[in-house]
Amino acid sequence: MTVEYDESYQDCYVCGKENLEGLQLDFHYDAEQDEMFTRCTFRRHMQGYKGVVHGGFLSMLLDEVMAKACIHRGAIAVTVQFDIRFRKPVYVQEELLFYGKITEQKGKKIRTESRCVDSENRVRATASAVFLQV
């Protein structure tokens, strides 16, 4: 199931369809795993070290897929705590999958997890976050 595009996100760098400088990614829901996912291939201008994706871009996608998991559950929420672990380098022009899900919700506090995997399902980075419903 594809998450419906919401006009209020039209300028979002990650998913905004009208942000011509952004990634314009589509997010999908996997009902069997109860998680959101998206595919992304980072472009050359997103590198830090030569050929290696800058960690800030990985952080952005790991955060965004967790936010989309919140939105899918009907919760508009903002990140209040974010922890990341970079496990292996991620290279430009490499197709990656990002997965994110809610692990716990108590009132307005939502705990989430995400991961970035390559085409061989090797984990490249993981993150956990706490979101606060607004």
Protein backbone atom coordinates (compact mmCIF):
# COMPACT_ATOMS: atom_id res chain seq x y z
CA MET A 1 0.00 0.00 0.00
CA THR A 2 1.37 3.41 -0.94
CA VAL A 3 0.98 6.22 1.54
CA GLU A 4 -1.19 8.89 -0.03
CA TYR A 5 0.66 12.05 -0.89
CA ASP A 6 -0.49 14.87 1.36
CA GLU A 7 -0.45 18.37 -0.15
CA SER A 8 0.82 19.79 3.15
CA TYR A 9 4.16 18.03 2.53
CA GLN A 10 4.64 19.36 -1.01
CA ASP A 11 7.88 21.16 -0.10
CA CYS A 12 9.38 18.39 2.05
CA TYR A 13 12.93 17.63 0.91
CA VAL A 14 12.36 13.88 1.24
CA CYS A 15 8.82 13.28 -0.08
CA GLY A 16 7.63 16.60 -1.51
CA LYS A 17 6.56 16.13 -5.11
CA GLU A 18 6.87 19.86 -5.79
CA ASN A 19 10.35 20.19 -4.30
CA LEU A 20 12.38 19.91 -7.50
CA GLU A 21 15.66 19.86 -5.56
CA GLY A 22 14.44 17.14 -3.18
CA LEU A 23 14.34 13.36 -3.36
CA GLN A 24 10.58 13.06 -4.10
CA LEU A 25 10.49 9.57 -2.55
CA ASP A 26 7.39 7.40 -2.29
CA PHE A 27 6.73 5.57 0.97
CA HIS A 28 4.89 2.26 1.25
CA TYR A 29 3.38 0.21 4.06
CA ASP A 30 4.21 -3.48 4.52
CA ALA A 31 1.23 -4.89 6.44
CA GLU A 32 2.93 -8.22 7.12
CA GLN A 33 5.86 -6.53 8.90
CA ASP A 34 3.79 -3.54 10.11
CA GLU A 35 6.40 -1.10 8.86
CA MET A 36 6.94 1.65 6.33
CA PHE A 37 9.61 1.48 3.66
CA THR A 38 11.12 3.42 0.79
CA ARG A 39 13.87 2.97 -1.79
CA CYS A 40 16.59 5.53 -2.37
CA THR A 41 19.72 5.85 -4.47
CA PHE A 42 21.86 8.72 -3.23
CA ARG A 43 23.35 10.99 -5.87
CA ARG A 44 26.97 12.08 -6.11
CA HIS A 45 26.36 15.52 -4.60
CA MET A 46 25.29 13.74 -1.38
CA GLN A 47 28.73 12.33 -0.65
CA GLY A 48 31.02 13.19 2.24
CA TYR A 49 34.19 11.27 1.59
CA LYS A 50 34.72 10.42 -2.08
CA GLY A 51 32.00 7.99 -3.14
CA VAL A 52 30.58 7.59 0.39
CA VAL A 53 27.16 9.02 1.30
CA HIS A 54 27.33 11.74 3.96
CA GLY A 55 25.95 10.47 7.27
CA GLY A 56 23.55 13.40 7.49
CA PHE A 57 21.63 12.12 4.47
CA LEU A 58 21.39 8.63 5.97
CA SER A 59 20.18 10.15 9.25
CA MET A 60 17.55 12.15 7.39
CA LEU A 61 16.10 9.07 5.67
CA LEU A 62 16.17 6.92 8.80
CA ASP A 63 14.31 9.69 10.65
CA GLU A 64 11.82 10.23 7.83
CA VAL A 65 10.79 6.58 7.52
CA MET A 66 10.08 6.53 11.27
CA ALA A 67 8.03 9.72 10.93
CA LYS A 68 6.05 8.11 8.10
CA ALA A 69 5.33 5.14 10.41
CA CYS A 70 3.83 7.61 12.89
CA ILE A 71 1.79 9.31 10.18
CA HIS A 72 0.54 5.94 8.93
CA ARG A 73 -0.86 5.33 12.42
CA GLY A 74 -2.56 8.72 12.35
CA ALA A 75 -0.05 10.52 14.57
CA ILE A 76 1.55 13.73 13.39
CA ALA A 77 4.68 13.74 15.52
CA VAL A 78 8.09 15.38 15.77
CA THR A 79 11.43 13.82 16.66
CA VAL A 80 12.55 14.63 20.21
CA GLN A 81 15.35 12.07 20.54
CA PHE A 82 17.35 10.35 17.80
CA ASP A 83 20.11 7.73 18.08
CA ILE A 84 21.95 6.29 15.09
CA ARG A 85 24.53 3.61 14.47
CA PHE A 86 26.48 3.55 11.22
CA ARG A 87 27.46 -0.07 10.61
CA LYS A 88 28.99 -0.13 7.11
CA PRO A 89 29.72 2.54 4.50
CA VAL A 90 26.95 3.49 2.09
CA TYR A 91 28.03 4.45 -1.41
CA VAL A 92 26.56 6.87 -3.90
CA GLN A 93 24.63 5.31 -6.80
CA GLU A 94 23.77 2.26 -4.65
CA GLU A 95 20.09 1.34 -4.27
CA LEU A 96 19.07 1.07 -0.63
CA LEU A 97 15.92 0.24 1.30
CA PHE A 98 14.88 2.11 4.44
CA TYR A 99 12.42 0.55 6.90
CA GLY A 100 10.77 2.16 9.89
CA LYS A 101 8.23 1.07 12.49
CA ILE A 102 6.66 1.98 15.78
CA THR A 103 7.82 -0.19 18.66
CA GLU A 104 5.80 1.39 21.48
CA GLN A 105 3.25 4.14 22.02
CA LYS A 106 2.25 5.56 25.39
CA GLY A 107 0.06 8.60 25.17
CA LYS A 108 1.79 11.20 23.01
CA LYS A 109 5.20 9.49 23.25
CA ILE A 110 6.05 7.16 20.35
CA ARG A 111 9.17 4.96 20.21
CA THR A 112 10.40 3.92 16.77
CA GLU A 113 13.16 1.98 15.01
CA SER A 114 14.55 2.13 11.49
CA ARG A 115 17.19 0.46 9.39
CA CYS A 116 18.96 0.91 6.07
CA VAL A 117 19.77 -2.23 4.09
CA ASP A 118 21.45 -2.87 0.76
CA SER A 119 20.28 -5.08 -2.10
CA GLU A 120 21.68 -8.16 -0.33
CA ASN A 121 19.78 -7.28 2.87
CA ARG A 122 22.96 -6.30 4.74
CA VAL A 123 22.29 -3.69 7.41
CA ARG A 124 24.25 -0.49 6.75
CA ALA A 125 22.77 1.74 9.48
CA THR A 126 20.16 1.58 12.22
CA ALA A 127 18.39 4.21 14.28
CA SER A 128 15.92 4.55 17.10
CA ALA A 129 13.94 7.61 18.01
CA VAL A 130 11.33 9.04 20.30
CA PHE A 131 8.62 11.11 18.67
CA LEU A 132 6.14 13.36 20.40
CA GLN A 133 2.67 13.65 18.95
CA VAL A 134 1.72 17.28 18.33
